Amino acid sequence: MLQKGNRIIIAGIVLQVVVLLVFGTVAGDYYVRVRGSSRTSHGDEENGNVNTELWRDKRFHMFVCAVMGAYSAILIRCIYR
């Protein structure tokens, strides 16, 4: 019974790490696509100026860094377990 409980705990931790890695991959892909979109927009479109302004905003960059830091800390904690 104890061994089954340990296996369930390990499986849950492995699942958590896999889900976090998938999230990181998808979030990274989104970041790359939006970054490329903001660089190629010349302000001709209605949303072009908004994207460019957002990417130049210091508070937005601080937010992205905070999210990356939190994600990294959670992932490291999950792997360490």
Protein backbone atom coordinates (compact mmCIF):
# COMPACT_ATOMS: atom_id res chain seq x y z
CA MET A 1 0.00 0.00 0.00
CA LEU A 2 2.82 2.42 0.88
CA GLN A 3 4.60 1.73 -2.41
CA LYS A 4 1.41 2.45 -4.38
CA GLY A 5 1.06 5.79 -2.58
CA ASN A 6 4.67 6.69 -3.39
CA ARG A 7 4.16 5.82 -7.03
CA ILE A 8 1.04 7.98 -7.20
CA ILE A 9 2.93 10.92 -5.66
CA ILE A 10 5.82 10.51 -8.13
CA ALA A 11 3.38 10.26 -11.04
CA GLY A 12 1.67 13.47 -9.92
CA ILE A 13 4.98 15.32 -9.70
CA VAL A 14 6.05 14.05 -13.12
CA LEU A 15 2.71 15.13 -14.58
CA GLN A 16 3.14 18.57 -13.02
CA VAL A 17 6.62 18.95 -14.54
CA VAL A 18 5.39 17.82 -17.96
CA VAL A 19 2.45 20.26 -17.88
CA LEU A 20 4.78 23.11 -16.83
CA LEU A 21 7.19 22.28 -19.66
CA VAL A 22 4.34 22.27 -22.18
CA PHE A 23 3.12 25.61 -20.81
CA GLY A 24 6.64 27.04 -21.06
CA THR A 25 6.97 25.88 -24.65
CA VAL A 26 3.60 27.34 -25.67
CA ALA A 27 4.26 30.60 -23.82
CA GLY A 28 7.70 30.87 -25.45
CA ASP A 29 6.18 30.30 -28.88
CA TYR A 30 3.57 32.98 -28.20
CA TYR A 31 6.25 35.41 -27.04
CA VAL A 32 8.32 34.85 -30.19
CA ARG A 33 5.31 35.28 -32.47
CA VAL A 34 4.04 38.46 -30.80
CA ARG A 35 7.55 39.91 -30.69
CA GLY A 36 7.97 39.25 -34.40
CA SER A 37 4.55 40.70 -35.11
CA SER A 38 5.35 43.89 -33.24
CA ARG A 39 8.62 44.31 -35.11
CA THR A 40 7.05 43.88 -38.54
CA SER A 41 4.06 46.16 -37.94
CA HIS A 42 4.73 49.67 -39.21
CA GLY A 43 1.79 51.36 -37.55
CA ASP A 44 -0.36 51.07 -40.67
CA GLU A 45 -2.87 48.87 -38.92
CA GLU A 46 -5.09 49.87 -36.10
CA ASN A 47 -3.36 47.51 -33.61
CA GLY A 48 0.16 48.12 -34.89
CA ASN A 49 0.71 51.18 -32.71
CA VAL A 50 -0.69 49.43 -29.64
CA ASN A 51 1.64 46.45 -30.07
CA THR A 52 4.67 48.64 -30.59
CA GLU A 53 3.83 50.81 -27.58
CA LEU A 54 3.29 47.74 -25.41
CA TRP A 55 6.64 46.20 -26.34
CA ARG A 56 8.44 49.45 -25.58
CA ASP A 57 6.76 49.88 -22.18
CA LYS A 58 9.16 49.29 -19.29
CA ARG A 59 6.39 48.09 -16.97
CA PHE A 60 5.39 45.40 -19.48
CA HIS A 61 8.99 44.15 -19.62
CA MET A 62 9.10 44.08 -15.83
CA PHE A 63 5.87 42.05 -15.84
CA VAL A 64 7.27 39.57 -18.38
CA CYS A 65 10.46 39.19 -16.32
CA ALA A 66 8.40 38.61 -13.16
CA VAL A 67 6.31 35.93 -14.85
CA MET A 68 9.45 34.24 -16.20
CA GLY A 69 11.04 34.33 -12.75
CA ALA A 70 7.96 32.84 -11.09
CA TYR A 71 7.69 30.17 -13.77
CA SER A 72 11.37 29.26 -13.40
CA ALA A 73 11.12 29.07 -9.60
CA ILE A 74 8.05 26.83 -9.74
CA LEU A 75 9.62 24.58 -12.37
CA ILE A 76 12.86 24.23 -10.39
CA ARG A 77 10.89 23.44 -7.23
CA CYS A 78 8.87 20.78 -9.07
CA ILE A 79 11.97 19.16 -10.55
CA TYR A 80 13.76 19.26 -7.19
CA ARG A 81 10.93 17.33 -5.54
